[in-house]
mmCIF file of all heavy atoms, coordinates in Angstrom:
data_MODEL
# 
_entry.id   MODEL 
# 
loop_
_atom_site.group_PDB 
_atom_site.id 
_atom_site.type_symbol 
_atom_site.label_atom_id 
_atom_site.label_alt_id 
_atom_site.label_comp_id 
_atom_site.label_asym_id 
_atom_site.label_entity_id 
_atom_site.label_seq_id 
_atom_site.pdbx_PDB_ins_code 
_atom_site.Cartn_x 
_atom_site.Cartn_y 
_atom_site.Cartn_z 
_atom_site.occupancy 
_atom_site.B_iso_or_equiv 
_atom_site.pdbx_formal_charge 
_atom_site.auth_seq_id 
_atom_site.auth_comp_id 
_atom_site.auth_asym_id 
_atom_site.auth_atom_id 
_atom_site.pdbx_PDB_model_num 
ATOM 1   N N   . ALA A 1 1  ? 0.840   -1.205 0.000   1.00 0.00 ? 1  ALA A N   1 
ATOM 2   C CA  . ALA A 1 1  ? 0.000   0.000  0.000   1.00 0.00 ? 1  ALA A CA  1 
ATOM 3   C C   . ALA A 1 1  ? 0.870   1.249  0.000   1.00 0.00 ? 1  ALA A C   1 
ATOM 4   O O   . ALA A 1 1  ? 0.622   2.205  -0.751  1.00 0.00 ? 1  ALA A O   1 
ATOM 5   C CB  . ALA A 1 1  ? -0.928  -0.011 1.212   1.00 0.00 ? 1  ALA A CB  1 
ATOM 6   N N   . ARG A 1 2  ? 1.902   1.252  0.825   1.00 0.00 ? 2  ARG A N   1 
ATOM 7   C CA  . ARG A 1 2  ? 2.812   2.400  0.918   1.00 0.00 ? 2  ARG A CA  1 
ATOM 8   C C   . ARG A 1 2  ? 3.566   2.594  -0.399  1.00 0.00 ? 2  ARG A C   1 
ATOM 9   O O   . ARG A 1 2  ? 3.772   3.735  -0.846  1.00 0.00 ? 2  ARG A O   1 
ATOM 10  C CB  . ARG A 1 2  ? 3.772   2.207  2.085   1.00 0.00 ? 2  ARG A CB  1 
ATOM 11  C CG  . ARG A 1 2  ? 4.656   3.391  2.372   1.00 0.00 ? 2  ARG A CG  1 
ATOM 12  C CD  . ARG A 1 2  ? 5.341   3.294  3.739   1.00 0.00 ? 2  ARG A CD  1 
ATOM 13  N NE  . ARG A 1 2  ? 5.865   1.977  4.048   1.00 0.00 ? 2  ARG A NE  1 
ATOM 14  C CZ  . ARG A 1 2  ? 7.097   1.583  3.760   1.00 0.00 ? 2  ARG A CZ  1 
ATOM 15  N NH1 . ARG A 1 2  ? 7.937   2.396  3.163   1.00 0.00 ? 2  ARG A NH1 1 
ATOM 16  N NH2 . ARG A 1 2  ? 7.503   0.377  4.093   1.00 0.00 ? 2  ARG A NH2 1 
ATOM 17  N N   . LEU A 1 3  ? 3.974   1.488  -1.033  1.00 0.00 ? 3  LEU A N   1 
ATOM 18  C CA  . LEU A 1 3  ? 4.646   1.579  -2.328  1.00 0.00 ? 3  LEU A CA  1 
ATOM 19  C C   . LEU A 1 3  ? 3.731   2.240  -3.358  1.00 0.00 ? 3  LEU A C   1 
ATOM 20  O O   . LEU A 1 3  ? 4.147   3.152  -4.077  1.00 0.00 ? 3  LEU A O   1 
ATOM 21  C CB  . LEU A 1 3  ? 5.069   0.186  -2.805  1.00 0.00 ? 3  LEU A CB  1 
ATOM 22  C CG  . LEU A 1 3  ? 5.693   0.122  -4.199  1.00 0.00 ? 3  LEU A CG  1 
ATOM 23  C CD1 . LEU A 1 3  ? 7.009   0.888  -4.231  1.00 0.00 ? 3  LEU A CD1 1 
ATOM 24  C CD2 . LEU A 1 3  ? 5.881   -1.318 -4.618  1.00 0.00 ? 3  LEU A CD2 1 
ATOM 25  N N   . PHE A 1 4  ? 2.464   1.786  -3.420  1.00 0.00 ? 4  PHE A N   1 
ATOM 26  C CA  . PHE A 1 4  ? 1.517   2.401  -4.354  1.00 0.00 ? 4  PHE A CA  1 
ATOM 27  C C   . PHE A 1 4  ? 1.341   3.892  -4.053  1.00 0.00 ? 4  PHE A C   1 
ATOM 28  O O   . PHE A 1 4  ? 1.314   4.715  -4.971  1.00 0.00 ? 4  PHE A O   1 
ATOM 29  C CB  . PHE A 1 4  ? 0.152   1.704  -4.302  1.00 0.00 ? 4  PHE A CB  1 
ATOM 30  C CG  . PHE A 1 4  ? 0.059   0.452  -5.124  1.00 0.00 ? 4  PHE A CG  1 
ATOM 31  C CD1 . PHE A 1 4  ? -0.427  -0.719 -4.551  1.00 0.00 ? 4  PHE A CD1 1 
ATOM 32  C CD2 . PHE A 1 4  ? 0.400   0.433  -6.466  1.00 0.00 ? 4  PHE A CD2 1 
ATOM 33  C CE1 . PHE A 1 4  ? -0.544  -1.886 -5.307  1.00 0.00 ? 4  PHE A CE1 1 
ATOM 34  C CE2 . PHE A 1 4  ? 0.279   -0.717 -7.225  1.00 0.00 ? 4  PHE A CE2 1 
ATOM 35  C CZ  . PHE A 1 4  ? -0.184  -1.881 -6.644  1.00 0.00 ? 4  PHE A CZ  1 
ATOM 36  N N   . LYS A 1 5  ? 1.220   4.257  -2.767  1.00 0.00 ? 5  LYS A N   1 
ATOM 37  C CA  . LYS A 1 5  ? 1.044   5.667  -2.403  1.00 0.00 ? 5  LYS A CA  1 
ATOM 38  C C   . LYS A 1 5  ? 2.255   6.497  -2.803  1.00 0.00 ? 5  LYS A C   1 
ATOM 39  O O   . LYS A 1 5  ? 2.114   7.617  -3.302  1.00 0.00 ? 5  LYS A O   1 
ATOM 40  C CB  . LYS A 1 5  ? 0.806   5.810  -0.898  1.00 0.00 ? 5  LYS A CB  1 
ATOM 41  C CG  . LYS A 1 5  ? -0.602  5.548  -0.470  1.00 0.00 ? 5  LYS A CG  1 
ATOM 42  C CD  . LYS A 1 5  ? -0.755  5.803  1.016   1.00 0.00 ? 5  LYS A CD  1 
ATOM 43  C CE  . LYS A 1 5  ? -2.132  5.373  1.478   1.00 0.00 ? 5  LYS A CE  1 
ATOM 44  N NZ  . LYS A 1 5  ? -2.279  5.460  2.934   1.00 0.00 ? 5  LYS A NZ  1 
ATOM 45  N N   . ALA A 1 6  ? 3.439   5.966  -2.565  1.00 0.00 ? 6  ALA A N   1 
ATOM 46  C CA  . ALA A 1 6  ? 4.657   6.700  -2.893  1.00 0.00 ? 6  ALA A CA  1 
ATOM 47  C C   . ALA A 1 6  ? 4.762   6.948  -4.396  1.00 0.00 ? 6  ALA A C   1 
ATOM 48  O O   . ALA A 1 6  ? 5.029   8.073  -4.834  1.00 0.00 ? 6  ALA A O   1 
ATOM 49  C CB  . ALA A 1 6  ? 5.884   5.942  -2.392  1.00 0.00 ? 6  ALA A CB  1 
ATOM 50  N N   . ILE A 1 7  ? 4.517   5.923  -5.171  1.00 0.00 ? 7  ILE A N   1 
ATOM 51  C CA  . ILE A 1 7  ? 4.634   6.087  -6.623  1.00 0.00 ? 7  ILE A CA  1 
ATOM 52  C C   . ILE A 1 7  ? 3.479   6.926  -7.156  1.00 0.00 ? 7  ILE A C   1 
ATOM 53  O O   . ILE A 1 7  ? 3.657   7.699  -8.104  1.00 0.00 ? 7  ILE A O   1 
ATOM 54  C CB  . ILE A 1 7  ? 4.793   4.723  -7.311  1.00 0.00 ? 7  ILE A CB  1 
ATOM 55  C CG1 . ILE A 1 7  ? 6.128   4.103  -6.861  1.00 0.00 ? 7  ILE A CG1 1 
ATOM 56  C CG2 . ILE A 1 7  ? 4.736   4.865  -8.831  1.00 0.00 ? 7  ILE A CG2 1 
ATOM 57  C CD1 . ILE A 1 7  ? 6.390   2.700  -7.344  1.00 0.00 ? 7  ILE A CD1 1 
ATOM 58  N N   . ALA A 1 8  ? 2.315   6.856  -6.515  1.00 0.00 ? 8  ALA A N   1 
ATOM 59  C CA  . ALA A 1 8  ? 1.204   7.742  -6.889  1.00 0.00 ? 8  ALA A CA  1 
ATOM 60  C C   . ALA A 1 8  ? 1.622   9.196  -6.725  1.00 0.00 ? 8  ALA A C   1 
ATOM 61  O O   . ALA A 1 8  ? 1.299   10.051 -7.558  1.00 0.00 ? 8  ALA A O   1 
ATOM 62  C CB  . ALA A 1 8  ? -0.038  7.438  -6.048  1.00 0.00 ? 8  ALA A CB  1 
ATOM 63  N N   . TYR A 1 9  ? 2.359   9.470  -5.653  1.00 0.00 ? 9  TYR A N   1 
ATOM 64  C CA  . TYR A 1 9  ? 2.836   10.832 -5.442  1.00 0.00 ? 9  TYR A CA  1 
ATOM 65  C C   . TYR A 1 9  ? 3.795   11.250 -6.563  1.00 0.00 ? 9  TYR A C   1 
ATOM 66  O O   . TYR A 1 9  ? 3.729   12.381 -7.064  1.00 0.00 ? 9  TYR A O   1 
ATOM 67  C CB  . TYR A 1 9  ? 3.499   10.980 -4.074  1.00 0.00 ? 9  TYR A CB  1 
ATOM 68  C CG  . TYR A 1 9  ? 4.064   12.355 -3.863  1.00 0.00 ? 9  TYR A CG  1 
ATOM 69  C CD1 . TYR A 1 9  ? 3.227   13.446 -3.629  1.00 0.00 ? 9  TYR A CD1 1 
ATOM 70  C CD2 . TYR A 1 9  ? 5.431   12.587 -3.941  1.00 0.00 ? 9  TYR A CD2 1 
ATOM 71  C CE1 . TYR A 1 9  ? 3.731   14.723 -3.470  1.00 0.00 ? 9  TYR A CE1 1 
ATOM 72  C CE2 . TYR A 1 9  ? 5.951   13.867 -3.773  1.00 0.00 ? 9  TYR A CE2 1 
ATOM 73  C CZ  . TYR A 1 9  ? 5.097   14.920 -3.543  1.00 0.00 ? 9  TYR A CZ  1 
ATOM 74  O OH  . TYR A 1 9  ? 5.606   16.192 -3.393  1.00 0.00 ? 9  TYR A OH  1 
ATOM 75  N N   . ALA A 1 10 ? 4.677   10.350 -6.967  1.00 0.00 ? 10 ALA A N   1 
ATOM 76  C CA  . ALA A 1 10 ? 5.595   10.666 -8.072  1.00 0.00 ? 10 ALA A CA  1 
ATOM 77  C C   . ALA A 1 10 ? 4.814   10.982 -9.344  1.00 0.00 ? 10 ALA A C   1 
ATOM 78  O O   . ALA A 1 10 ? 5.154   11.930 -10.070 1.00 0.00 ? 10 ALA A O   1 
ATOM 79  C CB  . ALA A 1 10 ? 6.559   9.502  -8.317  1.00 0.00 ? 10 ALA A CB  1 
ATOM 80  N N   . GLU A 1 11 ? 3.768   10.215 -9.608  1.00 0.00 ? 11 GLU A N   1 
ATOM 81  C CA  . GLU A 1 11 ? 2.935   10.474 -10.792 1.00 0.00 ? 11 GLU A CA  1 
ATOM 82  C C   . GLU A 1 11 ? 2.242   11.833 -10.674 1.00 0.00 ? 11 GLU A C   1 
ATOM 83  O O   . GLU A 1 11 ? 2.088   12.556 -11.656 1.00 0.00 ? 11 GLU A O   1 
ATOM 84  C CB  . GLU A 1 11 ? 1.900   9.364  -10.982 1.00 0.00 ? 11 GLU A CB  1 
ATOM 85  C CG  . GLU A 1 11 ? 2.463   7.956  -11.068 1.00 0.00 ? 11 GLU A CG  1 
ATOM 86  C CD  . GLU A 1 11 ? 3.440   7.700  -12.195 1.00 0.00 ? 11 GLU A CD  1 
ATOM 87  O OE1 . GLU A 1 11 ? 3.671   8.576  -13.042 1.00 0.00 ? 11 GLU A OE1 1 
ATOM 88  O OE2 . GLU A 1 11 ? 3.989   6.585  -12.247 1.00 0.00 ? 11 GLU A OE2 1 
ATOM 89  N N   . GLN A 1 12 ? 1.855   12.204 -9.445  1.00 0.00 ? 12 GLN A N   1 
ATOM 90  C CA  . GLN A 1 12 ? 1.254   13.515 -9.209  1.00 0.00 ? 12 GLN A CA  1 
ATOM 91  C C   . GLN A 1 12 ? 2.263   14.618 -9.515  1.00 0.00 ? 12 GLN A C   1 
ATOM 92  O O   . GLN A 1 12 ? 1.910   15.643 -10.111 1.00 0.00 ? 12 GLN A O   1 
ATOM 93  C CB  . GLN A 1 12 ? 0.772   13.620 -7.761  1.00 0.00 ? 12 GLN A CB  1 
ATOM 94  C CG  . GLN A 1 12 ? 0.172   14.972 -7.408  1.00 0.00 ? 12 GLN A CG  1 
ATOM 95  C CD  . GLN A 1 12 ? -0.197  15.070 -5.943  1.00 0.00 ? 12 GLN A CD  1 
ATOM 96  O OE1 . GLN A 1 12 ? -0.186  14.100 -5.210  1.00 0.00 ? 12 GLN A OE1 1 
ATOM 97  N NE2 . GLN A 1 12 ? -0.525  16.259 -5.507  1.00 0.00 ? 12 GLN A NE2 1 
ATOM 98  N N   . VAL A 1 13 ? 3.500   14.427 -9.115  1.00 0.00 ? 13 VAL A N   1 
ATOM 99  C CA  . VAL A 1 13 ? 4.554   15.414 -9.406  1.00 0.00 ? 13 VAL A CA  1 
ATOM 100 C C   . VAL A 1 13 ? 4.694   15.575 -10.918 1.00 0.00 ? 13 VAL A C   1 
ATOM 101 O O   . VAL A 1 13 ? 4.753   16.695 -11.433 1.00 0.00 ? 13 VAL A O   1 
ATOM 102 C CB  . VAL A 1 13 ? 5.893   15.001 -8.759  1.00 0.00 ? 13 VAL A CB  1 
ATOM 103 C CG1 . VAL A 1 13 ? 7.048   15.857 -9.271  1.00 0.00 ? 13 VAL A CG1 1 
ATOM 104 C CG2 . VAL A 1 13 ? 5.797   15.070 -7.236  1.00 0.00 ? 13 VAL A CG2 1 
ATOM 105 N N   . HIS A 1 14 ? 4.715   14.463 -11.635 1.00 0.00 ? 14 HIS A N   1 
ATOM 106 C CA  . HIS A 1 14 ? 4.831   14.533 -13.097 1.00 0.00 ? 14 HIS A CA  1 
ATOM 107 C C   . HIS A 1 14 ? 3.647   15.288 -13.698 1.00 0.00 ? 14 HIS A C   1 
ATOM 108 O O   . HIS A 1 14 ? 3.830   16.165 -14.557 1.00 0.00 ? 14 HIS A O   1 
ATOM 109 C CB  . HIS A 1 14 ? 4.893   13.126 -13.712 1.00 0.00 ? 14 HIS A CB  1 
ATOM 110 C CG  . HIS A 1 14 ? 6.007   12.296 -13.193 1.00 0.00 ? 14 HIS A CG  1 
ATOM 111 N ND1 . HIS A 1 14 ? 5.945   10.917 -13.200 1.00 0.00 ? 14 HIS A ND1 1 
ATOM 112 C CD2 . HIS A 1 14 ? 7.198   12.606 -12.628 1.00 0.00 ? 14 HIS A CD2 1 
ATOM 113 C CE1 . HIS A 1 14 ? 7.048   10.427 -12.681 1.00 0.00 ? 14 HIS A CE1 1 
ATOM 114 N NE2 . HIS A 1 14 ? 7.833   11.441 -12.322 1.00 0.00 ? 14 HIS A NE2 1 
ATOM 115 N N   . ALA A 1 15 ? 2.440   14.952 -13.252 1.00 0.00 ? 15 ALA A N   1 
ATOM 116 C CA  . ALA A 1 15 ? 1.236   15.609 -13.780 1.00 0.00 ? 15 ALA A CA  1 
ATOM 117 C C   . ALA A 1 15 ? 1.276   17.107 -13.482 1.00 0.00 ? 15 ALA A C   1 
ATOM 118 O O   . ALA A 1 15 ? 0.944   17.932 -14.345 1.00 0.00 ? 15 ALA A O   1 
ATOM 119 C CB  . ALA A 1 15 ? -0.021  14.973 -13.188 1.00 0.00 ? 15 ALA A CB  1 
ATOM 120 N N   . HIS A 1 16 ? 1.690   17.465 -12.278 1.00 0.00 ? 16 HIS A N   1 
ATOM 121 C CA  . HIS A 1 16 ? 1.772   18.881 -11.907 1.00 0.00 ? 16 HIS A CA  1 
ATOM 122 C C   . HIS A 1 16 ? 2.765   19.619 -12.802 1.00 0.00 ? 16 HIS A C   1 
ATOM 123 O O   . HIS A 1 16 ? 2.479   20.731 -13.276 1.00 0.00 ? 16 HIS A O   1 
ATOM 124 C CB  . HIS A 1 16 ? 2.184   19.006 -10.433 1.00 0.00 ? 16 HIS A CB  1 
ATOM 125 C CG  . HIS A 1 16 ? 2.236   20.416 -9.952  1.00 0.00 ? 16 HIS A CG  1 
ATOM 126 N ND1 . HIS A 1 16 ? 1.228   20.984 -9.229  1.00 0.00 ? 16 HIS A ND1 1 
ATOM 127 C CD2 . HIS A 1 16 ? 3.183   21.379 -10.111 1.00 0.00 ? 16 HIS A CD2 1 
ATOM 128 C CE1 . HIS A 1 16 ? 1.543   22.245 -8.955  1.00 0.00 ? 16 HIS A CE1 1 
ATOM 129 N NE2 . HIS A 1 16 ? 2.730   22.506 -9.476  1.00 0.00 ? 16 HIS A NE2 1 
ATOM 130 N N   . ASN A 1 17 ? 3.910   19.017 -13.054 1.00 0.00 ? 17 ASN A N   1 
ATOM 131 C CA  . ASN A 1 17 ? 4.905   19.640 -13.939 1.00 0.00 ? 17 ASN A CA  1 
ATOM 132 C C   . ASN A 1 17 ? 4.337   19.852 -15.336 1.00 0.00 ? 17 ASN A C   1 
ATOM 133 O O   . ASN A 1 17 ? 4.519   20.915 -15.938 1.00 0.00 ? 17 ASN A O   1 
ATOM 134 C CB  . ASN A 1 17 ? 6.173   18.785 -14.004 1.00 0.00 ? 17 ASN A CB  1 
ATOM 135 C CG  . ASN A 1 17 ? 6.959   18.825 -12.714 1.00 0.00 ? 17 ASN A CG  1 
ATOM 136 O OD1 . ASN A 1 17 ? 6.804   19.720 -11.896 1.00 0.00 ? 17 ASN A OD1 1 
ATOM 137 N ND2 . ASN A 1 17 ? 7.810   17.827 -12.529 1.00 0.00 ? 17 ASN A ND2 1 
ATOM 138 N N   . HIS A 1 18 ? 3.650   18.840 -15.860 1.00 0.00 ? 18 HIS A N   1 
ATOM 139 C CA  . HIS A 1 18 ? 3.048   18.969 -17.197 1.00 0.00 ? 18 HIS A CA  1 
ATOM 140 C C   . HIS A 1 18 ? 1.980   20.059 -17.204 1.00 0.00 ? 18 HIS A C   1 
ATOM 141 O O   . HIS A 1 18 ? 1.893   20.866 -18.136 1.00 0.00 ? 18 HIS A O   1 
ATOM 142 C CB  . HIS A 1 18 ? 2.446   17.646 -17.655 1.00 0.00 ? 18 HIS A CB  1 
ATOM 143 C CG  . HIS A 1 18 ? 3.430   16.519 -17.798 1.00 0.00 ? 18 HIS A CG  1 
ATOM 144 N ND1 . HIS A 1 18 ? 4.765   16.694 -18.109 1.00 0.00 ? 18 HIS A ND1 1 
ATOM 145 C CD2 . HIS A 1 18 ? 3.260   15.178 -17.672 1.00 0.00 ? 18 HIS A CD2 1 
ATOM 146 C CE1 . HIS A 1 18 ? 5.371   15.519 -18.164 1.00 0.00 ? 18 HIS A CE1 1 
ATOM 147 N NE2 . HIS A 1 18 ? 4.478   14.579 -17.903 1.00 0.00 ? 18 HIS A NE2 1 
ATOM 148 N N   . ALA A 1 19 ? 1.138   20.083 -16.154 1.00 0.00 ? 19 ALA A N   1 
ATOM 149 C CA  . ALA A 1 19 ? 0.065   21.082 -16.071 1.00 0.00 ? 19 ALA A CA  1 
ATOM 150 C C   . ALA A 1 19 ? 0.638   22.500 -16.036 1.00 0.00 ? 19 ALA A C   1 
ATOM 151 O O   . ALA A 1 19 ? 0.109   23.404 -16.683 1.00 0.00 ? 19 ALA A O   1 
ATOM 152 C CB  . ALA A 1 19 ? -0.799  20.820 -14.840 1.00 0.00 ? 19 ALA A CB  1 
ATOM 153 N N   . ARG A 1 20 ? 1.710   22.665 -15.294 1.00 0.00 ? 20 ARG A N   1 
ATOM 154 C CA  . ARG A 1 20 ? 2.353   23.982 -15.218 1.00 0.00 ? 20 ARG A CA  1 
ATOM 155 C C   . ARG A 1 20 ? 2.856   24.409 -16.598 1.00 0.00 ? 20 ARG A C   1 
ATOM 156 O O   . ARG A 1 20 ? 2.630   25.531 -17.034 1.00 0.00 ? 20 ARG A O   1 
ATOM 157 C CB  . ARG A 1 20 ? 3.487   23.965 -14.200 1.00 0.00 ? 20 ARG A CB  1 
ATOM 158 C CG  . ARG A 1 20 ? 4.110   25.342 -13.972 1.00 0.00 ? 20 ARG A CG  1 
ATOM 159 C CD  . ARG A 1 20 ? 5.268   25.332 -12.978 1.00 0.00 ? 20 ARG A CD  1 
ATOM 160 N NE  . ARG A 1 20 ? 6.329   24.437 -13.398 1.00 0.00 ? 20 ARG A NE  1 
ATOM 161 C CZ  . ARG A 1 20 ? 6.666   23.292 -12.774 1.00 0.00 ? 20 ARG A CZ  1 
ATOM 162 N NH1 . ARG A 1 20 ? 6.044   22.914 -11.683 1.00 0.00 ? 20 ARG A NH1 1 
ATOM 163 N NH2 . ARG A 1 20 ? 7.636   22.531 -13.239 1.00 0.00 ? 20 ARG A NH2 1 
ATOM 164 N N   . GLU A 1 21 ? 3.521   23.488 -17.293 1.00 0.00 ? 21 GLU A N   1 
ATOM 165 C CA  . GLU A 1 21 ? 4.052   23.820 -18.622 1.00 0.00 ? 21 GLU A CA  1 
ATOM 166 C C   . GLU A 1 21 ? 2.946   24.092 -19.634 1.00 0.00 ? 21 GLU A C   1 
ATOM 167 O O   . GLU A 1 21 ? 3.119   24.887 -20.549 1.00 0.00 ? 21 GLU A O   1 
ATOM 168 C CB  . GLU A 1 21 ? 4.961   22.693 -19.127 1.00 0.00 ? 21 GLU A CB  1 
ATOM 169 C CG  . GLU A 1 21 ? 6.245   22.543 -18.341 1.00 0.00 ? 21 GLU A CG  1 
ATOM 170 C CD  . GLU A 1 21 ? 7.070   23.823 -18.292 1.00 0.00 ? 21 GLU A CD  1 
ATOM 171 O OE1 . GLU A 1 21 ? 7.169   24.533 -19.317 1.00 0.00 ? 21 GLU A OE1 1 
ATOM 172 O OE2 . GLU A 1 21 ? 7.608   24.131 -17.204 1.00 0.00 ? 21 GLU A OE2 1 
ATOM 173 N N   . LEU A 1 22 ? 1.799   23.454 -19.452 1.00 0.00 ? 22 LEU A N   1 
ATOM 174 C CA  . LEU A 1 22 ? 0.667   23.657 -20.358 1.00 0.00 ? 22 LEU A CA  1 
ATOM 175 C C   . LEU A 1 22 ? -0.130  24.918 -20.020 1.00 0.00 ? 22 LEU A C   1 
ATOM 176 O O   . LEU A 1 22 ? -1.039  25.287 -20.755 1.00 0.00 ? 22 LEU A O   1 
ATOM 177 C CB  . LEU A 1 22 ? -0.264  22.433 -20.312 1.00 0.00 ? 22 LEU A CB  1 
ATOM 178 C CG  . LEU A 1 22 ? 0.278   21.193 -21.002 1.00 0.00 ? 22 LEU A CG  1 
ATOM 179 C CD1 . LEU A 1 22 ? -0.485  19.953 -20.556 1.00 0.00 ? 22 LEU A CD1 1 
ATOM 180 C CD2 . LEU A 1 22 ? 0.210   21.364 -22.521 1.00 0.00 ? 22 LEU A CD2 1 
ATOM 181 N N   . GLY A 1 23 ? 0.207   25.564 -18.916 1.00 0.00 ? 23 GLY A N   1 
ATOM 182 C CA  . GLY A 1 23 ? -0.512  26.776 -18.529 1.00 0.00 ? 23 GLY A CA  1 
ATOM 183 C C   . GLY A 1 23 ? -1.843  26.501 -17.852 1.00 0.00 ? 23 GLY A C   1 
ATOM 184 O O   . GLY A 1 23 ? -2.710  27.364 -17.810 1.00 0.00 ? 23 GLY A O   1 
ATOM 185 N N   . TYR A 1 24 ? -2.009  25.309 -17.317 1.00 0.00 ? 24 TYR A N   1 
ATOM 186 C CA  . TYR A 1 24 ? -3.258  24.939 -16.650 1.00 0.00 ? 24 TYR A CA  1 
ATOM 187 C C   . TYR A 1 24 ? -3.366  25.529 -15.249 1.00 0.00 ? 24 TYR A C   1 
ATOM 188 O O   . TYR A 1 24 ? -4.431  25.516 -14.659 1.00 0.00 ? 24 TYR A O   1 
ATOM 189 C CB  . TYR A 1 24 ? -3.384  23.424 -16.519 1.00 0.00 ? 24 TYR A CB  1 
ATOM 190 C CG  . TYR A 1 24 ? -3.584  22.650 -17.788 1.00 0.00 ? 24 TYR A CG  1 
ATOM 191 C CD1 . TYR A 1 24 ? -3.536  21.265 -17.761 1.00 0.00 ? 24 TYR A CD1 1 
ATOM 192 C CD2 . TYR A 1 24 ? -3.822  23.257 -19.010 1.00 0.00 ? 24 TYR A CD2 1 
ATOM 193 C CE1 . TYR A 1 24 ? -3.728  20.516 -18.914 1.00 0.00 ? 24 TYR A CE1 1 
ATOM 194 C CE2 . TYR A 1 24 ? -4.005  22.525 -20.162 1.00 0.00 ? 24 TYR A CE2 1 
ATOM 195 C CZ  . TYR A 1 24 ? -3.956  21.151 -20.107 1.00 0.00 ? 24 TYR A CZ  1 
ATOM 196 O OH  . TYR A 1 24 ? -4.147  20.402 -21.240 1.00 0.00 ? 24 TYR A OH  1 
ATOM 197 N N   . ILE A 1 25 ? -2.262  26.004 -14.691 1.00 0.00 ? 25 ILE A N   1 
ATOM 198 C CA  . ILE A 1 25 ? -2.240  26.458 -13.307 1.00 0.00 ? 25 ILE A CA  1 
ATOM 199 C C   . ILE A 1 25 ? -2.005  27.961 -13.289 1.00 0.00 ? 25 ILE A C   1 
ATOM 200 O O   . ILE A 1 25 ? -1.060  28.457 -13.898 1.00 0.00 ? 25 ILE A O   1 
ATOM 201 C CB  . ILE A 1 25 ? -1.135  25.733 -12.514 1.00 0.00 ? 25 ILE A CB  1 
ATOM 202 C CG1 . ILE A 1 25 ? -1.372  24.227 -12.538 1.00 0.00 ? 25 ILE A CG1 1 
ATOM 203 C CG2 . ILE A 1 25 ? -1.066  26.245 -11.086 1.00 0.00 ? 25 ILE A CG2 1 
ATOM 204 C CD1 . ILE A 1 25 ? -0.216  23.400 -12.019 1.00 0.00 ? 25 ILE A CD1 1 
ATOM 205 N N   . GLY A 1 26 ? -2.887  28.677 -12.582 1.00 0.00 ? 26 GLY A N   1 
ATOM 206 C CA  . GLY A 1 26 ? -2.761  30.128 -12.491 1.00 0.00 ? 26 GLY A CA  1 
ATOM 207 C C   . GLY A 1 26 ? -2.892  30.589 -11.060 1.00 0.00 ? 26 GLY A C   1 
ATOM 208 O O   . GLY A 1 26 ? -2.552  29.859 -10.127 1.00 0.00 ? 26 GLY A O   1 
ATOM 209 N N   . THR A 1 27 ? -3.445  31.776 -10.882 1.00 0.00 ? 27 THR A N   1 
ATOM 210 C CA  . THR A 1 27 ? -3.719  32.290 -9.547  1.00 0.00 ? 27 THR A CA  1 
ATOM 211 C C   . THR A 1 27 ? -4.899  31.514 -8.967  1.00 0.00 ? 27 THR A C   1 
ATOM 212 O O   . THR A 1 27 ? -5.610  30.801 -9.690  1.00 0.00 ? 27 THR A O   1 
ATOM 213 C CB  . THR A 1 27 ? -4.087  33.776 -9.594  1.00 0.00 ? 27 THR A CB  1 
ATOM 214 O OG1 . THR A 1 27 ? -5.335  33.911 -10.293 1.00 0.00 ? 27 THR A OG1 1 
ATOM 215 C CG2 . THR A 1 27 ? -2.999  34.611 -10.271 1.00 0.00 ? 27 THR A CG2 1 
ATOM 216 N N   . THR A 1 28 ? -5.144  31.684 -7.688  1.00 0.00 ? 28 THR A N   1 
ATOM 217 C CA  . THR A 1 28 ? -6.284  31.005 -7.071  1.00 0.00 ? 28 THR A CA  1 
ATOM 218 C C   . THR A 1 28 ? -7.582  31.404 -7.762  1.00 0.00 ? 28 THR A C   1 
ATOM 219 O O   . THR A 1 28 ? -8.418  30.538 -8.064  1.00 0.00 ? 28 THR A O   1 
ATOM 220 C CB  . THR A 1 28 ? -6.348  31.309 -5.564  1.00 0.00 ? 28 THR A CB  1 
ATOM 221 O OG1 . THR A 1 28 ? -5.165  30.788 -4.955  1.00 0.00 ? 28 THR A OG1 1 
ATOM 222 C CG2 . THR A 1 28 ? -7.565  30.684 -4.918  1.00 0.00 ? 28 THR A CG2 1 
ATOM 223 N N   . ALA A 1 29 ? -7.760  32.684 -8.040  1.00 0.00 ? 29 ALA A N   1 
ATOM 224 C CA  . ALA A 1 29 ? -8.985  33.131 -8.713  1.00 0.00 ? 29 ALA A CA  1 
ATOM 225 C C   . ALA A 1 29 ? -9.105  32.483 -10.096 1.00 0.00 ? 29 ALA A C   1 
ATOM 226 O O   . ALA A 1 29 ? -10.184 32.014 -10.487 1.00 0.00 ? 29 ALA A O   1 
ATOM 227 C CB  . ALA A 1 29 ? -9.022  34.648 -8.821  1.00 0.00 ? 29 ALA A CB  1 
# 
């Protein structure tokens, strides 16, 4: 379970990096 959670977090980091580069992330508003 911990292994799955850890690697899930790594996948989240990858997705966040891609989203940032695609301009999907802005200000809170």
